[in-house]
């Protein structure tokens, strides 16, 4: 746990809604700038670098919480297409 780093804000925001962006992450994750799917996240979590337990349950819980928030948020409606884009991203990860 000595070498834990947090991601800068530009990698934790939802940028896929912007048409001018190439649909890649700003930083690499496991050597790639492509957004990971569930199997890639699980493989990364089970690697010698992390060893995160119950990852699938954690991802499912986060996904459900995000989707619940989207249904109650007034703010998400202020940016046309944001809710749909986030829902699509979650669906891509979970399938």
Foldseek 3Di string as FASTA:
>chain_A
DVDDDDDPPQQPDDPPVDPVDPQFGPDDDPRGRHDDAQVVVVVSCCDPVHVDPPVVVVLVVVLVVVLVCLVVDPVCVVDPPSSVSSNVVSVRRHD
